[in-house]
């Protein structure tokens, strides 16, 4: 309750009860207990009333559990923080928090830092060159308009864009900026030139970055898998992702032990590459275009390796 009032300012008893999932009577009782303990907590009656702390009052960092202390130090990812220009700031903040922790919690924090290291990018992904990331982060923080030259995948590839940057997202080692109007999503490493001299913009009050990103990912996956393929899988073969979910949901075992299922695919090209990895453990029945494409590749491989073996 104290931390809520310290971070949010004035709150009604009903708001506190809803946030803490307790009764209003419990809020009244706890407010009296805080006052008796010397906390400068005041309650104002009326329509605009509520509980508030004396202006300028701050509590020390207390009440952390061992799990909370561990999570706090696990959440500080040094790589992304350094990319944003916040490496020293993060280190200083962790040092101050560590100094304020009781000795037993400090040991927990040291243990988590020594036993877990978060490395977001994948093994086969080269580090993306994002020279404009600090400038984009600064524009996000200060609500400044960006004029950028951006490289996209379709022609014309290099385009001019005016961005109102609402937030930054780090996904699988790659930075994205979510920007209005729209909003739309842009890869930071595809920004070729940047100018932040067009002044400020007003960030929409109803925009929530996490909610937008969740919806964006869901829409991305829905658009990604718009086709279907009918396949047969050898015993023990497993498909990943949505294809695997589809096999578990609608797959049926046939008399020879293979499993027949209808699975979502992104495109003929993508499915061709993914299914070839399984070699002879998968048979594509439909669509005919995909089956013919795989048959052609297999025939070409047979010719290539047949020629080599003959030599």
Protein backbone atom coordinates (compact mmCIF):
# COMPACT_ATOMS: atom_id res chain seq x y z
CA UNK A 1 0.00 0.00 0.00
CA UNK A 2 2.84 2.35 0.90
CA UNK A 3 4.67 1.65 -2.35
CA UNK A 4 1.50 2.23 -4.39
CA UNK A 5 0.91 5.61 -2.79
CA UNK A 6 4.57 6.50 -3.18
CA UNK A 7 4.57 5.75 -6.91
CA UNK A 8 1.04 6.81 -7.92
CA UNK A 9 0.19 9.65 -5.56
CA UNK A 10 -3.36 10.06 -4.25
CA UNK A 11 -5.54 6.91 -4.35
CA UNK A 12 -9.00 6.24 -2.96
CA UNK A 13 -9.66 3.41 -0.54
CA UNK A 14 -11.66 1.66 -3.25
CA UNK A 15 -8.77 1.94 -5.73
CA UNK A 16 -6.30 0.59 -3.17
CA UNK A 17 -8.64 -2.28 -2.28
CA UNK A 18 -9.03 -3.22 -5.95
CA UNK A 19 -5.28 -3.04 -6.60
CA UNK A 20 -4.35 -5.06 -3.50
CA UNK A 21 -7.33 -7.45 -3.83
CA UNK A 22 -8.51 -6.81 -0.28
CA UNK A 23 -11.63 -5.25 1.24
CA UNK A 24 -12.06 -1.51 1.78
CA UNK A 25 -12.27 -2.23 5.51
CA UNK A 26 -8.77 -3.78 5.33
CA UNK A 27 -7.49 -0.61 3.64
CA UNK A 28 -8.92 1.52 6.45
CA UNK A 29 -7.32 -0.71 9.06
CA UNK A 30 -3.92 -0.74 7.33
CA UNK A 31 -4.01 3.05 6.87
CA UNK A 32 -4.48 3.42 10.62
CA UNK A 33 -1.57 1.02 11.22
CA UNK A 34 0.71 3.01 8.92
CA UNK A 35 -0.21 6.24 10.66
CA UNK A 36 0.45 4.67 14.05
CA UNK A 37 3.87 3.56 12.78
CA UNK A 38 4.79 7.17 11.99
CA UNK A 39 4.19 7.17 8.25
CA UNK A 40 2.85 10.63 7.20
CA UNK A 41 -0.30 9.25 5.54
CA UNK A 42 -3.34 11.49 5.17
CA UNK A 43 -6.90 10.74 4.13
CA UNK A 44 -9.08 13.41 2.47
CA UNK A 45 -12.84 13.06 2.24
CA UNK A 46 -15.00 14.11 -0.67
CA UNK A 47 -15.27 13.42 -4.38
CA UNK A 48 -11.60 14.25 -5.08
CA UNK A 49 -10.37 12.75 -1.84
CA UNK A 50 -8.33 9.69 -1.05
CA UNK A 51 -5.16 8.67 0.74
CA UNK A 52 -1.86 10.39 0.08
CA UNK A 53 1.60 10.69 1.56
CA UNK A 54 3.12 13.92 2.77
CA UNK A 55 4.85 15.63 -0.16
CA UNK A 56 8.49 14.59 -0.39
CA UNK A 57 8.15 11.50 1.78
CA UNK A 58 10.01 8.45 0.44
CA UNK A 59 10.47 5.06 2.04
CA UNK A 60 13.70 3.10 1.88
CA UNK A 61 13.92 -0.02 -0.27
CA UNK A 62 12.43 -2.65 2.04
CA UNK A 63 10.22 -5.68 1.88
CA UNK A 64 11.97 -7.52 -0.97
CA UNK A 65 11.81 -11.29 -0.81
CA UNK A 66 14.69 -13.49 -1.91
CA UNK A 67 12.87 -14.35 -5.15
CA UNK A 68 12.21 -10.66 -5.87
CA UNK A 69 15.86 -9.76 -5.32
CA UNK A 70 16.95 -12.57 -7.65
CA UNK A 71 14.46 -11.52 -10.34
CA UNK A 72 15.58 -7.90 -10.08
CA UNK A 73 19.18 -8.78 -10.93
CA UNK A 74 18.19 -11.36 -13.53
CA UNK A 75 16.11 -8.71 -15.34
CA UNK A 76 19.09 -6.45 -15.94
CA UNK A 77 20.32 -7.55 -19.37
CA UNK A 78 23.70 -5.81 -19.91
CA UNK A 79 23.90 -6.26 -23.70
CA UNK A 80 20.66 -4.45 -24.64
CA UNK A 81 21.26 -1.82 -21.98
CA UNK A 82 24.68 -1.08 -23.45
CA UNK A 83 23.19 -0.86 -26.95
CA UNK A 84 20.77 1.76 -25.68
CA UNK A 85 23.62 3.70 -24.10
CA UNK A 86 22.48 2.73 -20.60
CA UNK A 87 25.21 0.27 -19.65
CA UNK A 88 26.80 2.50 -17.01
CA UNK A 89 23.39 3.64 -15.77
CA UNK A 90 22.28 0.03 -15.28
CA UNK A 91 25.49 -0.84 -13.46
CA UNK A 92 25.13 2.16 -11.15
CA UNK A 93 21.48 1.37 -10.41
CA UNK A 94 22.27 -2.26 -9.59
CA UNK A 95 25.10 -1.14 -7.32
CA UNK A 96 22.77 1.19 -5.38
CA UNK A 97 20.06 -1.45 -5.08
CA UNK A 98 22.59 -4.03 -3.96
CA UNK A 99 23.93 -1.68 -1.30
CA UNK A 100 20.40 -1.14 0.05
CA UNK A 101 19.63 -4.86 0.32
CA UNK A 102 20.00 -6.75 3.58
CA UNK A 103 23.00 -9.06 3.65
CA UNK A 104 20.99 -12.25 3.09
CA UNK A 105 19.23 -10.80 0.03
CA UNK A 106 22.51 -9.41 -1.26
CA UNK A 107 23.82 -12.98 -1.27
CA UNK A 108 20.80 -14.10 -3.30
CA UNK A 109 21.39 -11.28 -5.83
CA UNK A 110 25.08 -12.17 -6.16
CA UNK A 111 24.18 -15.82 -6.67
CA UNK A 112 21.73 -15.08 -9.49
CA UNK A 113 24.23 -12.79 -11.23
CA UNK A 114 26.91 -15.48 -11.01
CA UNK A 115 24.76 -18.36 -12.24
CA UNK A 116 22.59 -16.88 -15.01
CA UNK A 117 23.57 -14.88 -18.07
CA UNK A 118 21.01 -13.80 -20.66
CA UNK A 119 22.19 -13.69 -24.28
CA UNK A 120 19.25 -12.79 -26.52
CA UNK A 121 20.54 -13.31 -30.10
CA UNK A 122 20.57 -16.78 -31.65
CA UNK A 123 23.74 -18.69 -32.52
CA UNK A 124 23.41 -18.21 -36.26
CA UNK A 125 22.41 -14.55 -36.16
CA UNK A 126 25.20 -12.06 -36.71
CA UNK A 127 25.03 -9.02 -34.51
CA UNK A 128 22.90 -6.38 -36.20
CA UNK A 129 24.57 -3.05 -36.86
CA UNK A 130 22.28 -0.47 -35.23
CA UNK A 131 24.23 2.80 -35.16
CA UNK A 132 21.03 4.86 -34.80
CA UNK A 133 19.64 2.93 -31.82
CA UNK A 134 20.70 5.47 -29.16
CA UNK A 135 19.22 8.31 -31.23
CA UNK A 136 15.95 6.39 -31.68
CA UNK A 137 15.85 5.60 -27.95
CA UNK A 138 16.39 9.27 -27.15
CA UNK A 139 13.56 10.24 -29.52
CA UNK A 140 11.28 7.68 -27.86
CA UNK A 141 12.10 9.07 -24.45
CA UNK A 142 11.67 12.73 -25.43
CA UNK A 143 8.76 12.24 -27.87
CA UNK A 144 10.66 13.76 -30.77
CA UNK A 145 9.69 13.31 -34.42
CA UNK A 146 12.17 11.41 -36.59
CA UNK A 147 12.70 11.84 -40.31
CA UNK A 148 14.45 8.71 -41.59
CA UNK A 149 15.61 7.08 -44.78
CA UNK A 150 14.53 3.48 -44.42
CA UNK A 151 15.36 0.32 -46.38
CA UNK A 152 12.45 -2.10 -46.86
CA UNK A 153 12.30 -5.46 -48.63
CA UNK A 154 10.09 -4.48 -51.59
CA UNK A 155 10.72 -1.90 -54.31
CA UNK A 156 11.34 0.92 -54.04
CA UNK A 157 13.64 -0.30 -51.31
CA UNK A 158 14.90 3.03 -49.94
CA UNK A 159 12.09 5.32 -48.80
CA UNK A 160 11.66 8.45 -46.70
CA UNK A 161 9.50 8.14 -43.59
CA UNK A 162 8.29 10.50 -40.86
CA UNK A 163 8.11 8.60 -37.57
CA UNK A 164 6.58 9.42 -34.21
CA UNK A 165 8.42 6.80 -32.11
CA UNK A 166 6.22 5.39 -29.33
CA UNK A 167 8.51 2.63 -28.07
CA UNK A 168 11.33 0.15 -28.67
CA UNK A 169 11.08 -3.65 -28.61
CA UNK A 170 13.94 -6.16 -28.51
CA UNK A 171 12.87 -9.43 -30.17
CA UNK A 172 15.34 -12.32 -30.62
CA UNK A 173 18.33 -9.97 -30.61
CA UNK A 174 16.81 -7.50 -33.07
CA UNK A 175 15.53 -4.02 -32.22
CA UNK A 176 12.21 -2.70 -33.53
CA UNK A 177 10.72 0.78 -33.16
CA UNK A 178 6.95 1.09 -32.98
CA UNK A 179 5.99 4.46 -34.44
CA UNK A 180 2.99 6.47 -35.53
CA UNK A 181 1.03 7.31 -37.43
CA UNK A 182 -0.63 3.93 -37.48
CA UNK A 183 1.21 2.73 -35.48
CA UNK A 184 3.61 0.63 -37.56
CA UNK A 185 6.72 -1.41 -36.81
CA UNK A 186 10.18 -0.71 -38.25
CA UNK A 187 13.52 -2.50 -37.87
CA UNK A 188 16.08 -0.14 -36.35
CA UNK A 189 18.96 -1.77 -38.23
CA UNK A 190 17.28 -0.83 -41.54
CA UNK A 191 17.43 2.91 -40.79
CA UNK A 192 20.03 4.38 -43.17
CA UNK A 193 19.82 8.06 -42.19
CA UNK A 194 18.13 9.88 -39.33
CA UNK A 195 17.17 13.45 -38.48
CA UNK A 196 15.49 14.36 -35.20
CA UNK A 197 15.14 18.08 -35.80
CA UNK A 198 11.41 18.29 -36.57
CA UNK A 199 10.24 18.95 -33.03
CA UNK A 200 8.06 17.01 -30.63
CA UNK A 201 4.85 15.01 -31.01
CA UNK A 202 2.10 14.09 -28.58
CA UNK A 203 2.09 10.42 -27.67
CA UNK A 204 -1.43 8.87 -27.70
CA UNK A 205 -2.69 8.45 -24.16
CA UNK A 206 -4.33 5.11 -24.91
CA UNK A 207 -1.27 3.47 -26.51
CA UNK A 208 0.22 0.53 -24.59
CA UNK A 209 3.42 -0.89 -26.05
CA UNK A 210 3.15 -4.43 -24.61
CA UNK A 211 -0.48 -4.80 -25.73
CA UNK A 212 0.38 -3.54 -29.23
CA UNK A 213 3.30 -5.94 -29.57
CA UNK A 214 1.22 -8.93 -28.45
CA UNK A 215 -1.44 -8.09 -31.04
CA UNK A 216 1.22 -7.43 -33.71
CA UNK A 217 2.83 -10.84 -33.16
CA UNK A 218 -0.54 -12.58 -33.28
CA UNK A 219 -1.44 -10.82 -36.53
CA UNK A 220 2.00 -11.58 -37.97
CA UNK A 221 1.63 -15.30 -37.34
CA UNK A 222 -1.93 -15.31 -38.67
CA UNK A 223 -0.74 -13.70 -41.92
CA UNK A 224 2.33 -15.90 -42.04
CA UNK A 225 0.50 -19.24 -42.22
CA UNK A 226 -2.24 -18.68 -44.77
CA UNK A 227 -1.76 -21.93 -46.72
CA UNK A 228 -2.15 -25.61 -45.88
CA UNK A 229 -0.41 -28.83 -46.81
CA UNK A 230 -1.42 -32.46 -46.35
CA UNK A 231 1.54 -34.56 -45.23
CA UNK A 232 2.42 -38.03 -44.00
CA UNK A 233 5.02 -38.35 -41.23
CA UNK A 234 7.14 -41.37 -40.36
CA UNK A 235 6.79 -42.82 -36.83
CA UNK A 236 8.51 -40.63 -34.25
CA UNK A 237 8.84 -37.56 -36.49
CA UNK A 238 7.77 -34.29 -34.90
CA UNK A 239 7.05 -30.94 -36.52
CA UNK A 240 7.69 -27.69 -34.67
CA UNK A 241 5.47 -24.68 -33.98
CA UNK A 242 1.98 -24.42 -35.42
CA UNK A 243 2.57 -27.35 -37.75
CA UNK A 244 3.28 -29.53 -34.74
CA UNK A 245 0.15 -28.26 -33.01
CA UNK A 246 -1.88 -29.15 -36.09
CA UNK A 247 -0.48 -32.69 -36.18
CA UNK A 248 -1.40 -33.21 -32.55
CA UNK A 249 -4.88 -31.79 -33.16
CA UNK A 250 -5.91 -33.51 -36.39
CA UNK A 251 -3.27 -36.12 -37.20
CA UNK A 252 -4.45 -39.71 -37.61
CA UNK A 253 -2.37 -42.87 -37.56
CA UNK A 254 -2.53 -45.00 -40.72
CA UNK A 255 -2.09 -48.76 -41.09
CA UNK A 256 1.63 -48.51 -41.92
CA UNK A 257 2.35 -46.51 -38.74
CA UNK A 258 2.74 -43.16 -40.49
CA UNK A 259 0.65 -40.15 -39.42
CA UNK A 260 -1.45 -38.18 -41.91
CA UNK A 261 -2.26 -34.54 -41.06
CA UNK A 262 -3.16 -31.16 -42.52
CA UNK A 263 -0.67 -28.50 -41.40
CA UNK A 264 -0.41 -24.71 -41.92
CA UNK A 265 2.39 -23.44 -44.17
CA UNK A 266 3.71 -19.97 -44.87
CA UNK A 267 4.29 -20.49 -48.59
CA UNK A 268 5.33 -23.15 -51.09
CA UNK A 269 8.91 -21.85 -50.99
CA UNK A 270 9.15 -21.89 -47.22
CA UNK A 271 7.46 -25.30 -46.85
CA UNK A 272 9.73 -26.72 -49.58
CA UNK A 273 12.83 -25.81 -47.58
CA UNK A 274 11.42 -26.90 -44.21
CA UNK A 275 10.07 -30.27 -45.35
CA UNK A 276 13.23 -31.19 -47.28
CA UNK A 277 15.09 -31.15 -43.96
CA UNK A 278 13.14 -34.22 -42.90
CA UNK A 279 14.33 -36.20 -45.90
CA UNK A 280 12.50 -39.49 -46.42
CA UNK A 281 10.60 -39.14 -43.12
CA UNK A 282 7.90 -36.96 -44.68
CA UNK A 283 5.69 -37.28 -47.75
CA UNK A 284 3.80 -34.26 -49.08
CA UNK A 285 0.43 -35.22 -50.60
CA UNK A 286 -1.02 -31.76 -51.22
CA UNK A 287 -0.82 -29.17 -52.68
CA UNK A 288 0.31 -30.57 -56.00
CA UNK A 289 2.63 -27.61 -56.59
CA UNK A 290 4.55 -28.29 -53.38
CA UNK A 291 4.72 -32.05 -54.04
CA UNK A 292 6.05 -31.43 -57.56
CA UNK A 293 8.58 -28.89 -56.26
CA UNK A 294 9.98 -31.35 -53.72
CA UNK A 295 9.98 -34.20 -56.26
CA UNK A 296 11.97 -32.03 -58.66
CA UNK A 297 14.54 -31.18 -56.01
CA UNK A 298 14.91 -34.82 -54.97
CA UNK A 299 15.35 -35.88 -58.61
CA UNK A 300 18.03 -33.24 -59.12
CA UNK A 301 19.83 -34.44 -55.98
CA UNK A 302 19.65 -38.02 -57.20
CA UNK A 303 21.18 -37.02 -60.52
CA UNK A 304 23.93 -35.04 -58.81
CA UNK A 305 24.93 -37.73 -56.36
CA UNK A 306 24.41 -40.49 -58.90
CA UNK A 307 26.94 -38.80 -61.21
CA UNK A 308 29.46 -38.41 -58.39
CA UNK A 309 29.10 -42.02 -57.28
CA UNK A 310 29.62 -43.21 -60.86
CA UNK A 311 32.90 -41.32 -61.02
